[in-house]
C-alpha atoms as a PDB file:
ATOM      1  CA  MET A   1      71.565 100.251  34.250  1.00  0.00           C
ATOM      2  CA  SER A   2      67.885  99.456  34.700  1.00  0.00           C
ATOM      3  CA  LYS A   3      66.294  96.119  33.913  1.00  0.00           C
ATOM      4  CA  PRO A   4      63.855  95.877  31.006  1.00  0.00           C
ATOM      5  CA  LYS A   5      60.170  96.171  31.861  1.00  0.00           C
ATOM      6  CA  PHE A   6      59.379  92.890  30.127  1.00  0.00           C
ATOM      7  CA  GLN A   7      60.959  89.578  29.187  1.00  0.00           C
ATOM      8  CA  GLU A   8      60.468  87.989  25.798  1.00  0.00           C
ATOM      9  CA  ASP A   9      61.225  84.753  24.001  1.00  0.00           C
ATOM     10  CA  SER A  10      60.128  83.017  20.815  1.00  0.00           C
ATOM     11  CA  ILE A  11      59.195  79.546  19.599  1.00  0.00           C
ATOM     12  CA  THR A  12      59.588  78.304  16.035  1.00  0.00           C
ATOM     13  CA  ILE A  13      56.358  76.874  14.645  1.00  0.00           C
ATOM     14  CA  PRO A  14      56.640  73.656  12.582  1.00  0.00           C
ATOM     15  CA  GLN A  15      55.310  73.644   9.010  1.00  0.00           C
ATOM     16  CA  ASP A  16      52.431  71.238   9.724  1.00  0.00           C
ATOM     17  CA  VAL A  17      51.079  73.292  12.661  1.00  0.00           C
ATOM     18  CA  GLN A  18      48.694  76.250  12.393  1.00  0.00           C
ATOM     19  CA  VAL A  19      48.584  78.806  15.198  1.00  0.00           C
ATOM     20  CA  GLU A  20      45.849  81.387  15.779  1.00  0.00           C
ATOM     21  CA  ILE A  21      46.005  84.103  18.423  1.00  0.00           C
ATOM     22  CA  THR A  22      43.085  86.059  19.812  1.00  0.00           C
ATOM     23  CA  PRO A  23      44.485  89.093  21.659  1.00  0.00           C
ATOM     24  CA  PRO A  24      45.828  89.399  24.225  1.00  0.00           C
ATOM     25  CA  ALA A  25      46.804  85.797  24.978  1.00  0.00           C
ATOM     26  CA  TYR A  26      44.281  83.202  23.768  1.00  0.00           C
ATOM     27  CA  LEU A  27      46.089  80.580  21.702  1.00  0.00           C
ATOM     28  CA  ARG A  28      44.647  77.946  19.350  1.00  0.00           C
ATOM     29  CA  VAL A  29      47.062  75.336  17.963  1.00  0.00           C
ATOM     30  CA  LYS A  30      45.896  73.045  15.155  1.00  0.00           C
ATOM     31  CA  GLY A  31      47.787  70.013  13.843  1.00  0.00           C
ATOM     32  CA  LYS A  32      47.213  66.676  12.176  1.00  0.00           C
ATOM     33  CA  LEU A  33      45.816  65.079  15.373  1.00  0.00           C
ATOM     34  CA  GLY A  34      43.435  67.872  16.366  1.00  0.00           C
ATOM     35  CA  VAL A  35      43.092  71.256  18.045  1.00  0.00           C
ATOM     36  CA  VAL A  36      44.238  72.437  21.488  1.00  0.00           C
ATOM     37  CA  GLU A  37      43.166  75.808  22.907  1.00  0.00           C
ATOM     38  CA  ARG A  38      44.440  77.632  25.976  1.00  0.00           C
ATOM     39  CA  ASP A  39      44.240  81.097  27.511  1.00  0.00           C
ATOM     40  CA  PHE A  40      47.488  82.567  28.871  1.00  0.00           C
ATOM     41  CA  SER A  41      46.141  85.944  30.002  1.00  0.00           C
ATOM     42  CA  HIS A  42      46.318  84.866  33.671  1.00  0.00           C
ATOM     43  CA  ALA A  43      50.121  84.755  33.343  1.00  0.00           C
ATOM     44  CA  GLY A  44      50.300  88.340  32.119  1.00  0.00           C
ATOM     45  CA  ALA A  45      51.575  87.145  28.748  1.00  0.00           C
ATOM     46  CA  GLU A  46      51.169  88.802  25.380  1.00  0.00           C
ATOM     47  CA  LEU A  47      51.455  86.594  22.290  1.00  0.00           C
ATOM     48  CA  SER A  48      52.180  87.666  18.720  1.00  0.00           C
ATOM     49  CA  LEU A  49      52.878  85.905  15.435  1.00  0.00           C
ATOM     50  CA  ASP A  50      55.803  86.630  13.161  1.00  0.00           C
ATOM     51  CA  THR A  51      56.801  84.641  10.072  1.00  0.00           C
ATOM     52  CA  GLY A  52      57.316  81.131  11.455  1.00  0.00           C
ATOM     53  CA  LEU A  53      57.791  82.444  14.996  1.00  0.00           C
ATOM     54  CA  LEU A  54      55.487  82.779  17.979  1.00  0.00           C
ATOM     55  CA  LYS A  55      56.706  85.614  20.204  1.00  0.00           C
ATOM     56  CA  ILE A  56      55.928  85.595  23.923  1.00  0.00           C
ATOM     57  CA  LYS A  57      56.202  88.772  25.958  1.00  0.00           C
ATOM     58  CA  VAL A  58      55.690  88.798  29.742  1.00  0.00           C
ATOM     59  CA  TYR A  59      55.620  92.120  31.555  1.00  0.00           C
ATOM     60  CA  GLY A  60      57.501  92.493  34.805  1.00  0.00           C
ATOM     61  CA  ARG A  61      61.000  92.194  36.193  1.00  0.00           C
ATOM     62  CA  GLY A  62      62.965  89.604  38.097  1.00  0.00           C
ATOM     63  CA  ARG A  63      62.774  85.882  38.657  1.00  0.00           C
ATOM     64  CA  ASN A  64      58.976  85.727  38.868  1.00  0.00           C
ATOM     65  CA  CYS A  65      58.708  87.197  35.385  1.00  0.00           C
ATOM     66  CA  LEU A  66      61.253  84.726  33.996  1.00  0.00           C
ATOM     67  CA  ALA A  67      59.404  81.849  35.672  1.00  0.00           C
ATOM     68  CA  ARG A  68      56.098  82.895  34.088  1.00  0.00           C
ATOM     69  CA  LEU A  69      57.797  83.242  30.697  1.00  0.00           C
ATOM     70  CA  GLY A  70      59.305  79.756  30.983  1.00  0.00           C
ATOM     71  CA  THR A  71      55.969  78.266  32.042  1.00  0.00           C
ATOM     72  CA  VAL A  72      54.087  79.810  29.117  1.00  0.00           C
ATOM     73  CA  LYS A  73      56.809  78.719  26.686  1.00  0.00           C
ATOM     74  CA  ALA A  74      56.796  75.125  28.008  1.00  0.00           C
ATOM     75  CA  ASN A  75      52.988  74.948  27.810  1.00  0.00           C
ATOM     76  CA  ILE A  76      53.009  76.154  24.199  1.00  0.00           C
ATOM     77  CA  LYS A  77      55.700  73.594  23.286  1.00  0.00           C
ATOM     78  CA  ASN A  78      53.553  70.878  24.911  1.00  0.00           C
ATOM     79  CA  MET A  79      50.574  72.032  22.829  1.00  0.00           C
ATOM     80  CA  ILE A  80      52.620  71.821  19.612  1.00  0.00           C
ATOM     81  CA  ILE A  81      53.926  68.340  20.480  1.00  0.00           C
ATOM     82  CA  GLY A  82      50.390  67.257  21.412  1.00  0.00           C
ATOM     83  CA  VAL A  83      48.791  68.194  18.085  1.00  0.00           C
ATOM     84  CA  THR A  84      51.620  66.614  16.079  1.00  0.00           C
ATOM     85  CA  GLN A  85      52.462  63.462  18.079  1.00  0.00           C
ATOM     86  CA  GLY A  86      50.129  63.167  21.097  1.00  0.00           C
ATOM     87  CA  TYR A  87      50.724  61.862  24.624  1.00  0.00           C
ATOM     88  CA  THR A  88      50.257  58.444  26.229  1.00  0.00           C
ATOM     89  CA  TYR A  89      50.296  57.397  29.877  1.00  0.00           C
ATOM     90  CA  ARG A  90      50.323  53.714  30.832  1.00  0.00           C
ATOM     91  CA  LEU A  91      49.011  52.517  34.174  1.00  0.00           C
ATOM     92  CA  LYS A  92      49.368  49.032  35.678  1.00  0.00           C
ATOM     93  CA  ILE A  93      46.547  47.296  37.556  1.00  0.00           C
ATOM     94  CA  VAL A  94      48.155  45.701  40.626  1.00  0.00           C
ATOM     95  CA  GLN A  95      46.121  43.134  42.542  1.00  0.00           C
ATOM     96  CA  SER A  96      47.147  40.608  45.147  1.00  0.00           C
ATOM     97  CA  HIS A  97      44.224  40.052  47.517  1.00  0.00           C
ATOM     98  CA  PHE A  98      41.091  40.645  45.450  1.00  0.00           C
ATOM     99  CA  PRO A  99      40.561  40.355  41.669  1.00  0.00           C
ATOM    100  CA  ILE A 100      39.962  43.890  40.370  1.00  0.00           C
ATOM    101  CA  SER A 101      37.658  44.412  37.390  1.00  0.00           C
ATOM    102  CA  VAL A 102      38.203  47.622  35.376  1.00  0.00           C
ATOM    103  CA  LYS A 103      36.050  48.816  32.466  1.00  0.00           C
ATOM    104  CA  VAL A 104      35.298  52.050  30.609  1.00  0.00           C
ATOM    105  CA  GLN A 105      31.702  53.304  30.316  1.00  0.00           C
ATOM    106  CA  GLY A 106      31.366  56.605  28.466  1.00  0.00           C
ATOM    107  CA  ASN A 107      33.413  59.216  30.339  1.00  0.00           C
ATOM    108  CA  ASN A 108      33.772  57.036  33.443  1.00  0.00           C
ATOM    109  CA  LEU A 109      36.208  54.341  34.490  1.00  0.00           C
ATOM    110  CA  ILE A 110      34.504  51.710  36.661  1.00  0.00           C
ATOM    111  CA  VAL A 111      36.686  49.828  39.186  1.00  0.00           C
ATOM    112  CA  GLU A 112      34.814  46.854  40.667  1.00  0.00           C
ATOM    113  CA  ASN A 113      35.746  44.611  43.625  1.00  0.00           C
ATOM    114  CA  PHE A 114      38.615  46.904  44.648  1.00  0.00           C
ATOM    115  CA  THR A 115      39.905  45.451  47.957  1.00  0.00           C
ATOM    116  CA  GLY A 116      36.653  43.509  48.179  1.00  0.00           C
ATOM    117  CA  GLU A 117      34.438  46.595  48.269  1.00  0.00           C
ATOM    118  CA  LYS A 118      30.744  46.021  47.736  1.00  0.00           C
ATOM    119  CA  TYR A 119      30.129  49.028  45.456  1.00  0.00           C
ATOM    120  CA  PRO A 120      32.165  49.968  42.377  1.00  0.00           C
ATOM    121  CA  ARG A 121      34.377  53.038  42.320  1.00  0.00           C
ATOM    122  CA  VAL A 122      33.471  55.453  39.515  1.00  0.00           C
ATOM    123  CA  ILE A 123      36.268  57.715  38.246  1.00  0.00           C
ATOM    124  CA  ARG A 124      35.210  60.639  36.020  1.00  0.00           C
ATOM    125  CA  LEU A 125      37.435  61.240  33.017  1.00  0.00           C
ATOM    126  CA  PRO A 126      37.793  64.577  31.182  1.00  0.00           C
ATOM    127  CA  ASP A 127      36.575  65.020  27.605  1.00  0.00           C
ATOM    128  CA  GLY A 128      39.202  64.716  24.879  1.00  0.00           C
ATOM    129  CA  VAL A 129      40.972  61.732  26.442  1.00  0.00           C
ATOM    130  CA  LYS A 130      40.853  58.157  25.147  1.00  0.00           C
ATOM    131  CA  VAL A 131      41.088  55.371  27.754  1.00  0.00           C
ATOM    132  CA  GLN A 132      41.561  51.679  26.955  1.00  0.00           C
ATOM    133  CA  VAL A 133      41.861  48.666  29.248  1.00  0.00           C
ATOM    134  CA  LYS A 134      44.082  45.888  27.866  1.00  0.00           C
ATOM    135  CA  GLY A 135      44.684  43.068  30.334  1.00  0.00           C
ATOM    136  CA  ASP A 136      46.529  44.523  33.326  1.00  0.00           C
ATOM    137  CA  ASP A 137      47.211  47.840  31.564  1.00  0.00           C
ATOM    138  CA  VAL A 138      45.147  51.010  31.391  1.00  0.00           C
ATOM    139  CA  ILE A 139      46.233  53.205  28.459  1.00  0.00           C
ATOM    140  CA  VAL A 140      45.348  56.912  28.562  1.00  0.00           C
ATOM    141  CA  SER A 141      46.071  58.905  25.395  1.00  0.00           C
ATOM    142  CA  GLY A 142      45.200  62.279  23.912  1.00  0.00           C
ATOM    143  CA  ILE A 143      46.548  65.478  22.415  1.00  0.00           C
ATOM    144  CA  ASP A 144      46.362  67.741  25.489  1.00  0.00           C
ATOM    145  CA  LYS A 145      49.120  66.867  27.970  1.00  0.00           C
ATOM    146  CA  PHE A 146      47.253  68.551  30.823  1.00  0.00           C
ATOM    147  CA  LEU A 147      44.081  66.487  30.277  1.00  0.00           C
ATOM    148  CA  VAL A 148      45.960  63.205  29.754  1.00  0.00           C
ATOM    149  CA  GLY A 149      47.913  63.747  32.968  1.00  0.00           C
ATOM    150  CA  LEU A 150      44.738  64.774  34.800  1.00  0.00           C
ATOM    151  CA  ALA A 151      42.947  61.585  33.714  1.00  0.00           C
ATOM    152  CA  ALA A 152      45.893  59.371  34.707  1.00  0.00           C
ATOM    153  CA  SER A 153      46.205  61.033  38.112  1.00  0.00           C
ATOM    154  CA  ARG A 154      42.452  60.724  38.742  1.00  0.00           C
ATOM    155  CA  ILE A 155      42.662  57.003  37.971  1.00  0.00           C
ATOM    156  CA  GLU A 156      45.659  56.577  40.279  1.00  0.00           C
ATOM    157  CA  GLN A 157      44.096  58.591  43.117  1.00  0.00           C
ATOM    158  CA  GLY A 158      40.674  57.014  42.618  1.00  0.00           C
ATOM    159  CA  SER A 159      42.133  53.599  43.362  1.00  0.00           C
ATOM    160  CA  ARG A 160      43.824  54.580  46.613  1.00  0.00           C
ATOM    161  CA  ILE A 161      43.503  52.252  49.582  1.00  0.00           C
ATOM    162  CA  THR A 162      42.098  53.668  52.802  1.00  0.00           C
ATOM    163  CA  ARG A 163      41.611  52.060  56.218  1.00  0.00           C
ATOM    164  CA  LYS A 164      44.084  49.242  55.503  1.00  0.00           C
ATOM    165  CA  ASP A 165      47.793  48.672  56.095  1.00  0.00           C
ATOM    166  CA  LEU A 166      49.509  50.131  53.009  1.00  0.00           C
ATOM    167  CA  ARG A 167      52.600  47.970  53.589  1.00  0.00           C
ATOM    168  CA  LYS A 168      50.504  44.841  53.147  1.00  0.00           C
ATOM    169  CA  PHE A 169      47.827  45.929  50.639  1.00  0.00           C
ATOM    170  CA  LEU A 170      49.584  47.147  47.505  1.00  0.00           C
ATOM    171  CA  ASP A 171      46.494  46.830  45.299  1.00  0.00           C
ATOM    172  CA  GLY A 172      45.744  49.766  43.013  1.00  0.00           C
ATOM    173  CA  ILE A 173      46.286  51.282  39.587  1.00  0.00           C
ATOM    174  CA  TYR A 174      49.672  52.976  39.223  1.00  0.00           C
ATOM    175  CA  ILE A 175      51.325  55.106  36.503  1.00  0.00           C
ATOM    176  CA  TYR A 176      54.442  53.375  35.198  1.00  0.00           C
ATOM    177  CA  GLU A 177      55.131  55.031  31.831  1.00  0.00           C
ATOM    178  CA  LYS A 178      54.691  58.471  30.256  1.00  0.00           C
ATOM    179  CA  LYS A 179      55.626  58.957  26.624  1.00  0.00           C
ATOM    180  CA  ILE A 180      55.193  61.162  23.599  1.00  0.00           C
ATOM    181  CA  GLY A 181      53.180  59.527  20.839  1.00  0.00           C
ATOM    182  CA  MET A 182      49.793  57.874  20.577  1.00  0.00           C
ATOM    183  CA  SER A 183      49.726  54.100  20.890  1.00  0.00           C
END
């Protein structure tokens, strides 16, 4: 018996979410918090709408095809959760040797006096992400999980220590919480 030439799955769409598809695989999800758009044509996916269902069809056979199907399905679920509830990452400012000063200016996060450096570190943040500094916490929130995670990882990597003993100098900004919901 031969395997099917495609794999398919479906996702139920909540009542408060509107989904628009531009063939073959450009998806626009709109909810109470905003709009998230993504193109899935690179995954070889074909999307279609049925009453209350979003059908995903990925052409191919074997494990690679199932992996692509699962990835597309997970990304679409993340988009739906994002426009209904949002995502929040919390980062902790850790300082022991030098007092770090962190502030937001436009689409940049400015880290001053990091390990006693003379010039501030400037970390570019993507559009569509809200960043707040409250005491020793940096709060990154938004509706697109990819962009929120990208901003948090840029902040964490932008405050890496180089040319010092990492066992002794633990200063930096580190992710300590990821959650669903805007706060």
